[in-house]
Amino acid sequence: MSDHIHRSHVRVSSGFSEIASDYDDAVRFNVEGAQRLVTSIPPGEYDRILDVGCGTGFSTRAAIDRFSPSHVTAVDPAEGMLEQFRARFADTTDVQIDIVKADVESMPVPEASYDLVISSMAYHWFPHKWEAAKAMARAMKPGAVVAILMSGRGGEQAYRDVISNIEPINYRWLGAFDGNLRNCEEMDDYLTGAGLEPIDVWMETRTRYVPVEAYMERMRVVAGHMIGDQSEADVADYVAKIEAELRRRSGPRGWRYEFAKLFALARKPG
């Protein structure tokens, strides 16, 4: 891993640790997306489940509720997120849950051991997406299913227009969109490149209206760590400029934006 990619990955992990306690409240649409992802998984017996980038555990909860597995392994590199995960499942006794602090590429999980692998709203943060797909495929039993939800290309254009016109232009923040987001064709390539057989890959784009303060809180929680290495004063000034421009462009229903979610289902041959 290059120094630049390593620093970026560390920034992501530490950033999510810092905001973990605020995460679920700020991203209720991600929670709903995870529920739709789990609902889309083909019916079957999924006794052993691996959740990659488990975060606070809302996708794990949805998978347990639907499939009643006996064993779940939850993997995430952010300790703050894992603390929230532990709290969510502190009273869970009907399923064995192993919690692993690790990156997707280096996760110490047994090969060919899981009936279902899920990853909800984490894949766009993986620095090496080809290798991430291969790591997930290695953990799958023959015939197992992988279900992925990530941010897709094409969303947040109105926000990108705003930040591209604020001086000085923050190219790291602006480039984070193109650097992390993917489309259906790219996801299909990752899956087939990992030796998996795509079942379905699709995109959902939704238009939403929210109060500016709610949108700013969401961006702080999910991507504030991408603004860059600036002083607190510079970050506060930059964020204030963004908020002022969002308010200027908002209508009576609030800030209008589009968000794209990319869903993918695939099966391991065998």
C-alpha atoms as a PDB file:
ATOM      1  CA  MET A   1       0.000   0.000   0.000  1.00  0.00           C
ATOM      2  CA  SER A   2       1.470   3.380  -0.997  1.00  0.00           C
ATOM      3  CA  ASP A   3       2.123   5.990   1.696  1.00  0.00           C
ATOM      4  CA  HIS A   4      -0.607   8.238   0.262  1.00  0.00           C
ATOM      5  CA  ILE A   5      -3.206   5.467   0.232  1.00  0.00           C
ATOM      6  CA  HIS A   6      -2.129   4.298   3.683  1.00  0.00           C
ATOM      7  CA  ARG A   7      -2.500   7.799   5.138  1.00  0.00           C
ATOM      8  CA  SER A   8      -5.903   8.157   3.509  1.00  0.00           C
ATOM      9  CA  HIS A   9      -7.024   4.793   4.890  1.00  0.00           C
ATOM     10  CA  VAL A  10      -5.826   5.690   8.390  1.00  0.00           C
ATOM     11  CA  ARG A  11      -7.686   8.997   8.116  1.00  0.00           C
ATOM     12  CA  VAL A  12     -10.904   7.163   7.216  1.00  0.00           C
ATOM     13  CA  SER A  13     -10.608   4.690  10.108  1.00  0.00           C
ATOM     14  CA  SER A  14      -9.732   7.327  12.701  1.00  0.00           C
ATOM     15  CA  GLY A  15     -12.410   9.657  11.359  1.00  0.00           C
ATOM     16  CA  PHE A  16     -15.124   7.064  11.776  1.00  0.00           C
ATOM     17  CA  SER A  17     -13.896   6.225  15.270  1.00  0.00           C
ATOM     18  CA  GLU A  18     -14.288   9.868  16.263  1.00  0.00           C
ATOM     19  CA  ILE A  19     -17.894  10.184  15.071  1.00  0.00           C
ATOM     20  CA  ALA A  20     -19.118   6.653  15.845  1.00  0.00           C
ATOM     21  CA  SER A  21     -21.566   7.701  18.568  1.00  0.00           C
ATOM     22  CA  ASP A  22     -23.295  10.114  16.157  1.00  0.00           C
ATOM     23  CA  TYR A  23     -23.299   7.830  13.140  1.00  0.00           C
ATOM     24  CA  ASP A  24     -26.677   6.087  13.232  1.00  0.00           C
ATOM     25  CA  ASP A  25     -28.642   9.259  13.938  1.00  0.00           C
ATOM     26  CA  ALA A  26     -27.045  11.071  10.995  1.00  0.00           C
ATOM     27  CA  VAL A  27     -27.378   8.299   8.405  1.00  0.00           C
ATOM     28  CA  ARG A  28     -30.869   6.883   8.793  1.00  0.00           C
ATOM     29  CA  PHE A  29     -31.066   6.517   4.998  1.00  0.00           C
ATOM     30  CA  ASN A  30     -28.045   4.205   5.172  1.00  0.00           C
ATOM     31  CA  VAL A  31     -29.863   2.105   7.755  1.00  0.00           C
ATOM     32  CA  GLU A  32     -32.844   1.858   5.417  1.00  0.00           C
ATOM     33  CA  GLY A  33     -30.516   0.986   2.537  1.00  0.00           C
ATOM     34  CA  ALA A  34     -28.954  -1.831   4.549  1.00  0.00           C
ATOM     35  CA  GLN A  35     -32.405  -3.221   5.231  1.00  0.00           C
ATOM     36  CA  ARG A  36     -33.187  -3.154   1.498  1.00  0.00           C
ATOM     37  CA  LEU A  37     -29.873  -4.869   0.785  1.00  0.00           C
ATOM     38  CA  VAL A  38     -30.630  -7.702   3.193  1.00  0.00           C
ATOM     39  CA  THR A  39     -34.175  -8.018   1.838  1.00  0.00           C
ATOM     40  CA  SER A  40     -32.765  -8.437  -1.688  1.00  0.00           C
ATOM     41  CA  ILE A  41     -30.615 -11.446  -0.750  1.00  0.00           C
ATOM     42  CA  PRO A  42     -31.987 -14.677  -2.268  1.00  0.00           C
ATOM     43  CA  PRO A  43     -33.768 -16.926   0.243  1.00  0.00           C
ATOM     44  CA  GLY A  44     -31.499 -19.586   1.676  1.00  0.00           C
ATOM     45  CA  GLU A  45     -29.800 -21.080   4.705  1.00  0.00           C
ATOM     46  CA  TYR A  46     -27.101 -18.648   5.805  1.00  0.00           C
ATOM     47  CA  ASP A  47     -25.814 -20.105   9.041  1.00  0.00           C
ATOM     48  CA  ARG A  48     -22.434 -18.343   9.038  1.00  0.00           C
ATOM     49  CA  ILE A  49     -22.376 -14.663   8.106  1.00  0.00           C
ATOM     50  CA  LEU A  50     -19.446 -12.284   7.654  1.00  0.00           C
ATOM     51  CA  ASP A  51     -20.103  -8.525   7.820  1.00  0.00           C
ATOM     52  CA  VAL A  52     -17.199  -6.562   6.299  1.00  0.00           C
ATOM     53  CA  GLY A  53     -17.054  -2.940   7.394  1.00  0.00           C
ATOM     54  CA  CYS A  54     -19.725  -3.702   9.970  1.00  0.00           C
ATOM     55  CA  GLY A  55     -19.698  -0.210  11.482  1.00  0.00           C
ATOM     56  CA  THR A  56     -22.209   0.139  14.298  1.00  0.00           C
ATOM     57  CA  GLY A  57     -23.972  -3.074  13.328  1.00  0.00           C
ATOM     58  CA  PHE A  58     -27.227  -2.051  11.664  1.00  0.00           C
ATOM     59  CA  SER A  59     -26.613  -4.314   8.657  1.00  0.00           C
ATOM     60  CA  THR A  60     -25.619  -7.161  10.974  1.00  0.00           C
ATOM     61  CA  ARG A  61     -28.862  -6.694  12.897  1.00  0.00           C
ATOM     62  CA  ALA A  62     -30.908  -6.843   9.698  1.00  0.00           C
ATOM     63  CA  ALA A  63     -29.140 -10.030   8.569  1.00  0.00           C
ATOM     64  CA  ILE A  64     -29.607 -11.731  11.943  1.00  0.00           C
ATOM     65  CA  ASP A  65     -33.289 -10.808  12.027  1.00  0.00           C
ATOM     66  CA  ARG A  66     -33.908 -12.265   8.578  1.00  0.00           C
ATOM     67  CA  PHE A  67     -31.689 -15.354   8.512  1.00  0.00           C
ATOM     68  CA  SER A  68     -31.214 -16.392  12.185  1.00  0.00           C
ATOM     69  CA  PRO A  69     -27.597 -17.535  11.772  1.00  0.00           C
ATOM     70  CA  SER A  70     -25.715 -19.392  14.491  1.00  0.00           C
ATOM     71  CA  HIS A  71     -22.492 -17.454  13.927  1.00  0.00           C
ATOM     72  CA  VAL A  72     -21.569 -13.946  12.768  1.00  0.00           C
ATOM     73  CA  THR A  73     -18.128 -12.444  12.270  1.00  0.00           C
ATOM     74  CA  ALA A  74     -18.085  -8.633  12.255  1.00  0.00           C
ATOM     75  CA  VAL A  75     -15.025  -6.865  10.836  1.00  0.00           C
ATOM     76  CA  ASP A  76     -14.180  -3.149  10.956  1.00  0.00           C
ATOM     77  CA  PRO A  77     -10.926  -1.171  11.304  1.00  0.00           C
ATOM     78  CA  ALA A  78     -12.452   1.639  13.407  1.00  0.00           C
ATOM     79  CA  GLU A  79     -12.405   0.931  17.140  1.00  0.00           C
ATOM     80  CA  GLY A  80     -15.034   3.592  17.812  1.00  0.00           C
ATOM     81  CA  MET A  81     -17.450   1.859  15.473  1.00  0.00           C
ATOM     82  CA  LEU A  82     -16.760  -1.493  17.114  1.00  0.00           C
ATOM     83  CA  GLU A  83     -17.530   0.009  20.520  1.00  0.00           C
ATOM     84  CA  GLN A  84     -20.963   1.002  19.226  1.00  0.00           C
ATOM     85  CA  PHE A  85     -21.338  -2.471  17.695  1.00  0.00           C
ATOM     86  CA  ARG A  86     -20.569  -4.138  21.034  1.00  0.00           C
ATOM     87  CA  ALA A  87     -23.132  -1.958  22.778  1.00  0.00           C
ATOM     88  CA  ARG A  88     -25.799  -2.813  20.193  1.00  0.00           C
ATOM     89  CA  PHE A  89     -25.317  -6.548  20.671  1.00  0.00           C
ATOM     90  CA  ALA A  90     -24.435  -6.599  24.371  1.00  0.00           C
ATOM     91  CA  ASP A  91     -27.609  -8.517  25.238  1.00  0.00           C
ATOM     92  CA  THR A  92     -27.631 -10.811  22.198  1.00  0.00           C
ATOM     93  CA  THR A  93     -27.374 -14.447  23.248  1.00  0.00           C
ATOM     94  CA  ASP A  94     -29.000 -16.377  20.406  1.00  0.00           C
ATOM     95  CA  VAL A  95     -26.063 -16.043  17.997  1.00  0.00           C
ATOM     96  CA  GLN A  96     -22.302 -16.256  18.451  1.00  0.00           C
ATOM     97  CA  ILE A  97     -20.742 -12.961  17.365  1.00  0.00           C
ATOM     98  CA  ASP A  98     -17.002 -12.605  16.856  1.00  0.00           C
ATOM     99  CA  ILE A  99     -15.749  -9.029  16.517  1.00  0.00           C
ATOM    100  CA  VAL A 100     -12.539  -8.454  14.574  1.00  0.00           C
ATOM    101  CA  LYS A 101     -10.689  -5.160  14.242  1.00  0.00           C
ATOM    102  CA  ALA A 102      -9.105  -5.357  10.797  1.00  0.00           C
ATOM    103  CA  ASP A 103      -9.082  -4.061   7.252  1.00  0.00           C
ATOM    104  CA  VAL A 104     -10.855  -6.058   4.573  1.00  0.00           C
ATOM    105  CA  GLU A 105      -7.629  -7.107   2.842  1.00  0.00           C
ATOM    106  CA  SER A 106      -5.956  -8.357   6.025  1.00  0.00           C
ATOM    107  CA  MET A 107      -8.957  -9.656   7.970  1.00  0.00           C
ATOM    108  CA  PRO A 108      -7.961 -12.856   9.797  1.00  0.00           C
ATOM    109  CA  VAL A 109     -10.999 -14.935   8.915  1.00  0.00           C
ATOM    110  CA  PRO A 110     -10.964 -18.548   7.719  1.00  0.00           C
ATOM    111  CA  GLU A 111     -11.193 -19.177   3.996  1.00  0.00           C
ATOM    112  CA  ALA A 112     -14.241 -20.833   2.434  1.00  0.00           C
ATOM    113  CA  SER A 113     -16.141 -20.635   5.731  1.00  0.00           C
ATOM    114  CA  TYR A 114     -19.119 -18.301   5.269  1.00  0.00           C
ATOM    115  CA  ASP A 115     -22.522 -18.822   3.687  1.00  0.00           C
ATOM    116  CA  LEU A 116     -23.135 -15.084   3.319  1.00  0.00           C
ATOM    117  CA  VAL A 117     -20.833 -12.069   3.183  1.00  0.00           C
ATOM    118  CA  ILE A 118     -22.375  -8.614   3.496  1.00  0.00           C
ATOM    119  CA  SER A 119     -20.838  -5.162   3.251  1.00  0.00           C
ATOM    120  CA  SER A 120     -23.100  -2.159   3.699  1.00  0.00           C
ATOM    121  CA  MET A 121     -21.929   1.407   2.997  1.00  0.00           C
ATOM    122  CA  ALA A 122     -18.261   0.529   3.463  1.00  0.00           C
ATOM    123  CA  TYR A 123     -16.980  -0.632   0.070  1.00  0.00           C
ATOM    124  CA  HIS A 124     -16.515   2.893  -1.279  1.00  0.00           C
ATOM    125  CA  TRP A 125     -13.965   3.503   1.491  1.00  0.00           C
ATOM    126  CA  PHE A 126     -11.862   0.433   0.656  1.00  0.00           C
ATOM    127  CA  PRO A 127      -8.614   1.739  -0.913  1.00  0.00           C
ATOM    128  CA  HIS A 128      -8.033  -1.339  -3.097  1.00  0.00           C
ATOM    129  CA  LYS A 129     -11.407  -2.381  -4.428  1.00  0.00           C
ATOM    130  CA  TRP A 130     -10.165  -5.258  -6.591  1.00  0.00           C
ATOM    131  CA  GLU A 131      -8.353  -6.788  -3.632  1.00  0.00           C
ATOM    132  CA  ALA A 132     -11.318  -6.177  -1.350  1.00  0.00           C
ATOM    133  CA  ALA A 133     -13.578  -8.233  -3.613  1.00  0.00           C
ATOM    134  CA  LYS A 134     -11.010 -11.027  -3.728  1.00  0.00           C
ATOM    135  CA  ALA A 135     -10.641 -11.041   0.061  1.00  0.00           C
ATOM    136  CA  MET A 136     -14.389 -11.325   0.485  1.00  0.00           C
ATOM    137  CA  ALA A 137     -14.561 -14.094  -2.118  1.00  0.00           C
ATOM    138  CA  ARG A 138     -11.864 -16.089  -0.325  1.00  0.00           C
ATOM    139  CA  ALA A 139     -13.979 -16.161   2.830  1.00  0.00           C
ATOM    140  CA  MET A 140     -17.018 -17.563   0.996  1.00  0.00           C
ATOM    141  CA  LYS A 141     -17.975 -21.214   0.819  1.00  0.00           C
ATOM    142  CA  PRO A 142     -18.722 -22.602  -2.650  1.00  0.00           C
ATOM    143  CA  GLY A 143     -22.291 -21.548  -3.409  1.00  0.00           C
ATOM    144  CA  ALA A 144     -22.192 -18.702  -0.876  1.00  0.00           C
ATOM    145  CA  VAL A 145     -23.621 -15.249  -1.601  1.00  0.00           C
ATOM    146  CA  VAL A 146     -22.072 -11.806  -1.227  1.00  0.00           C
ATOM    147  CA  ALA A 147     -24.259  -8.701  -0.882  1.00  0.00           C
ATOM    148  CA  ILE A 148     -22.724  -5.230  -1.201  1.00  0.00           C
ATOM    149  CA  LEU A 149     -24.154  -1.739  -0.805  1.00  0.00           C
ATOM    150  CA  MET A 150     -21.998   1.307  -1.507  1.00  0.00           C
ATOM    151  CA  SER A 151     -22.293   4.911  -2.616  1.00  0.00           C
ATOM    152  CA  GLY A 152     -22.624   5.085  -6.393  1.00  0.00           C
ATOM    153  CA  ARG A 153     -21.452   7.516  -9.023  1.00  0.00           C
ATOM    154  CA  GLY A 154     -23.781  10.318 -10.007  1.00  0.00           C
ATOM    155  CA  GLY A 155     -25.022  11.462  -6.635  1.00  0.00           C
ATOM    156  CA  GLU A 156     -24.309  14.627  -4.658  1.00  0.00           C
ATOM    157  CA  GLN A 157     -23.771  16.669  -7.833  1.00  0.00           C
ATOM    158  CA  ALA A 158     -25.405  19.766  -6.359  1.00  0.00           C
ATOM    159  CA  TYR A 159     -23.052  19.601  -3.379  1.00  0.00           C
ATOM    160  CA  ARG A 160     -20.071  19.099  -5.662  1.00  0.00           C
ATOM    161  CA  ASP A 161     -21.104  22.188  -7.609  1.00  0.00           C
ATOM    162  CA  VAL A 162     -21.082  24.142  -4.364  1.00  0.00           C
ATOM    163  CA  ILE A 163     -17.643  23.057  -3.155  1.00  0.00           C
ATOM    164  CA  SER A 164     -16.093  23.458  -6.608  1.00  0.00           C
ATOM    165  CA  ASN A 165     -16.918  27.171  -6.436  1.00  0.00           C
ATOM    166  CA  ILE A 166     -15.604  27.908  -2.957  1.00  0.00           C
ATOM    167  CA  GLU A 167     -12.142  29.464  -2.806  1.00  0.00           C
ATOM    168  CA  PRO A 168      -9.659  28.091  -2.167  1.00  0.00           C
ATOM    169  CA  ILE A 169     -10.886  24.948  -3.933  1.00  0.00           C
ATOM    170  CA  ASN A 170     -10.358  21.871  -1.766  1.00  0.00           C
ATOM    171  CA  TYR A 171      -9.253  19.374  -4.388  1.00  0.00           C
ATOM    172  CA  ARG A 172      -8.894  16.532  -1.887  1.00  0.00           C
ATOM    173  CA  TRP A 173     -12.503  16.971  -0.770  1.00  0.00           C
ATOM    174  CA  LEU A 174     -13.733  17.377  -4.326  1.00  0.00           C
ATOM    175  CA  GLY A 175     -11.695  14.429  -5.586  1.00  0.00           C
ATOM    176  CA  ALA A 176     -12.981  12.131  -2.850  1.00  0.00           C
ATOM    177  CA  PHE A 177     -16.179  11.635  -4.835  1.00  0.00           C
ATOM    178  CA  ASP A 178     -14.510  10.433  -8.030  1.00  0.00           C
ATOM    179  CA  GLY A 179     -11.874   8.524  -6.106  1.00  0.00           C
ATOM    180  CA  ASN A 180     -14.291   6.453  -4.034  1.00  0.00           C
ATOM    181  CA  LEU A 181     -17.556   6.095  -5.951  1.00  0.00           C
ATOM    182  CA  ARG A 182     -18.241   3.459  -8.598  1.00  0.00           C
ATOM    183  CA  ASN A 183     -20.908   2.478 -11.149  1.00  0.00           C
ATOM    184  CA  CYS A 184     -22.588  -0.839 -11.924  1.00  0.00           C
ATOM    185  CA  GLU A 185     -20.136  -1.832 -14.651  1.00  0.00           C
ATOM    186  CA  GLU A 186     -17.164  -1.276 -12.372  1.00  0.00           C
ATOM    187  CA  MET A 187     -18.752  -3.297  -9.571  1.00  0.00           C
ATOM    188  CA  ASP A 188     -19.557  -6.111 -11.990  1.00  0.00           C
ATOM    189  CA  ASP A 189     -15.881  -6.153 -12.973  1.00  0.00           C
ATOM    190  CA  TYR A 190     -14.775  -6.393  -9.330  1.00  0.00           C
ATOM    191  CA  LEU A 191     -17.070  -9.341  -8.727  1.00  0.00           C
ATOM    192  CA  THR A 192     -16.114 -11.284 -11.837  1.00  0.00           C
ATOM    193  CA  GLY A 193     -12.450 -10.454 -11.249  1.00  0.00           C
ATOM    194  CA  ALA A 194     -12.770 -12.148  -7.859  1.00  0.00           C
ATOM    195  CA  GLY A 195     -14.175 -15.281  -9.486  1.00  0.00           C
ATOM    196  CA  LEU A 196     -17.769 -14.588  -8.476  1.00  0.00           C
ATOM    197  CA  GLU A 197     -20.922 -14.852 -10.582  1.00  0.00           C
ATOM    198  CA  PRO A 198     -23.024 -11.662 -10.406  1.00  0.00           C
ATOM    199  CA  ILE A 199     -26.690 -12.250  -9.636  1.00  0.00           C
ATOM    200  CA  ASP A 200     -27.755  -8.620  -9.901  1.00  0.00           C
ATOM    201  CA  VAL A 201     -26.048  -5.232  -9.851  1.00  0.00           C
ATOM    202  CA  TRP A 202     -28.192  -2.104  -9.794  1.00  0.00           C
ATOM    203  CA  MET A 203     -28.273   1.548  -8.837  1.00  0.00           C
ATOM    204  CA  GLU A 204     -30.909   3.536  -6.969  1.00  0.00           C
ATOM    205  CA  THR A 205     -30.913   7.328  -7.237  1.00  0.00           C
ATOM    206  CA  ARG A 206     -33.213   9.272  -4.952  1.00  0.00           C
ATOM    207  CA  THR A 207     -33.994  12.957  -4.629  1.00  0.00           C
ATOM    208  CA  ARG A 208     -34.297  14.285  -1.094  1.00  0.00           C
ATOM    209  CA  TYR A 209     -35.019  17.556   0.661  1.00  0.00           C
ATOM    210  CA  VAL A 210     -33.492  18.147   4.079  1.00  0.00           C
ATOM    211  CA  PRO A 211     -32.751  21.110   6.352  1.00  0.00           C
ATOM    212  CA  VAL A 212     -29.287  22.491   5.669  1.00  0.00           C
ATOM    213  CA  GLU A 213     -28.144  21.781   9.227  1.00  0.00           C
ATOM    214  CA  ALA A 214     -29.179  18.118   8.866  1.00  0.00           C
ATOM    215  CA  TYR A 215     -27.290  17.808   5.592  1.00  0.00           C
ATOM    216  CA  MET A 216     -24.186  19.420   7.065  1.00  0.00           C
ATOM    217  CA  GLU A 217     -24.315  17.043  10.036  1.00  0.00           C
ATOM    218  CA  ARG A 218     -24.590  14.082   7.676  1.00  0.00           C
ATOM    219  CA  MET A 219     -21.559  15.221   5.687  1.00  0.00           C
ATOM    220  CA  ARG A 220     -19.603  15.830   8.898  1.00  0.00           C
ATOM    221  CA  VAL A 221     -20.321  12.327  10.099  1.00  0.00           C
ATOM    222  CA  VAL A 222     -19.823  10.333   6.907  1.00  0.00           C
ATOM    223  CA  ALA A 223     -17.034  12.242   5.217  1.00  0.00           C
ATOM    224  CA  GLY A 224     -15.677  15.052   7.367  1.00  0.00           C
ATOM    225  CA  HIS A 225     -12.333  13.246   7.603  1.00  0.00           C
ATOM    226  CA  MET A 226     -11.838  13.799   3.855  1.00  0.00           C
ATOM    227  CA  ILE A 227     -11.613  17.588   4.074  1.00  0.00           C
ATOM    228  CA  GLY A 228      -7.881  17.267   4.602  1.00  0.00           C
ATOM    229  CA  ASP A 229      -5.090  18.166   6.977  1.00  0.00           C
ATOM    230  CA  GLN A 230      -6.073  21.701   7.917  1.00  0.00           C
ATOM    231  CA  SER A 231      -6.236  23.625  11.158  1.00  0.00           C
ATOM    232  CA  GLU A 232      -9.502  23.637  13.079  1.00  0.00           C
ATOM    233  CA  ALA A 233      -9.928  27.316  12.255  1.00  0.00           C
ATOM    234  CA  ASP A 234      -9.459  26.721   8.527  1.00  0.00           C
ATOM    235  CA  VAL A 235     -11.876  23.791   8.568  1.00  0.00           C
ATOM    236  CA  ALA A 236     -14.467  25.839  10.459  1.00  0.00           C
ATOM    237  CA  ASP A 237     -14.120  28.690   7.960  1.00  0.00           C
ATOM    238  CA  TYR A 238     -14.418  26.319   4.997  1.00  0.00           C
ATOM    239  CA  VAL A 239     -17.468  24.564   6.442  1.00  0.00           C
ATOM    240  CA  ALA A 240     -19.115  27.912   7.204  1.00  0.00           C
ATOM    241  CA  LYS A 241     -18.691  28.950   3.567  1.00  0.00           C
ATOM    242  CA  ILE A 242     -20.290  25.692   2.406  1.00  0.00           C
ATOM    243  CA  GLU A 243     -23.209  26.065   4.793  1.00  0.00           C
ATOM    244  CA  ALA A 244     -23.825  29.658   3.725  1.00  0.00           C
ATOM    245  CA  GLU A 245     -23.901  28.663   0.059  1.00  0.00           C
ATOM    246  CA  LEU A 246     -26.222  25.722   0.735  1.00  0.00           C
ATOM    247  CA  ARG A 247     -28.620  28.064   2.516  1.00  0.00           C
ATOM    248  CA  ARG A 248     -28.448  30.518  -0.373  1.00  0.00           C
ATOM    249  CA  ARG A 249     -29.351  27.761  -2.842  1.00  0.00           C
ATOM    250  CA  SER A 250     -32.016  26.076  -0.715  1.00  0.00           C
ATOM    251  CA  GLY A 251     -35.730  26.479  -1.286  1.00  0.00           C
ATOM    252  CA  PRO A 252     -38.714  26.362   1.071  1.00  0.00           C
ATOM    253  CA  ARG A 253     -38.409  22.553   1.316  1.00  0.00           C
ATOM    254  CA  GLY A 254     -34.752  22.717   2.285  1.00  0.00           C
ATOM    255  CA  TRP A 255     -31.596  21.608   0.498  1.00  0.00           C
ATOM    256  CA  ARG A 256     -32.326  19.422  -2.523  1.00  0.00           C
ATOM    257  CA  TYR A 257     -29.826  16.706  -3.367  1.00  0.00           C
ATOM    258  CA  GLU A 258     -29.615  13.375  -5.145  1.00  0.00           C
ATOM    259  CA  PHE A 259     -27.992  10.323  -3.623  1.00  0.00           C
ATOM    260  CA  ALA A 260     -26.992   7.206  -5.560  1.00  0.00           C
ATOM    261  CA  LYS A 261     -26.718   3.810  -3.905  1.00  0.00           C
ATOM    262  CA  LEU A 262     -25.125   0.879  -5.725  1.00  0.00           C
ATOM    263  CA  PHE A 263     -26.326  -2.628  -4.803  1.00  0.00           C
ATOM    264  CA  ALA A 264     -24.656  -5.873  -5.846  1.00  0.00           C
ATOM    265  CA  LEU A 265     -25.376  -9.555  -5.324  1.00  0.00           C
ATOM    266  CA  ALA A 266     -23.096 -12.371  -6.464  1.00  0.00           C
ATOM    267  CA  ARG A 267     -22.561 -16.058  -5.838  1.00  0.00           C
ATOM    268  CA  LYS A 268     -19.385 -18.107  -5.538  1.00  0.00           C
ATOM    269  CA  PRO A 269     -19.394 -21.021  -7.998  1.00  0.00           C
ATOM    270  CA  GLY A 270     -19.672 -24.491  -6.561  1.00  0.00           C
END
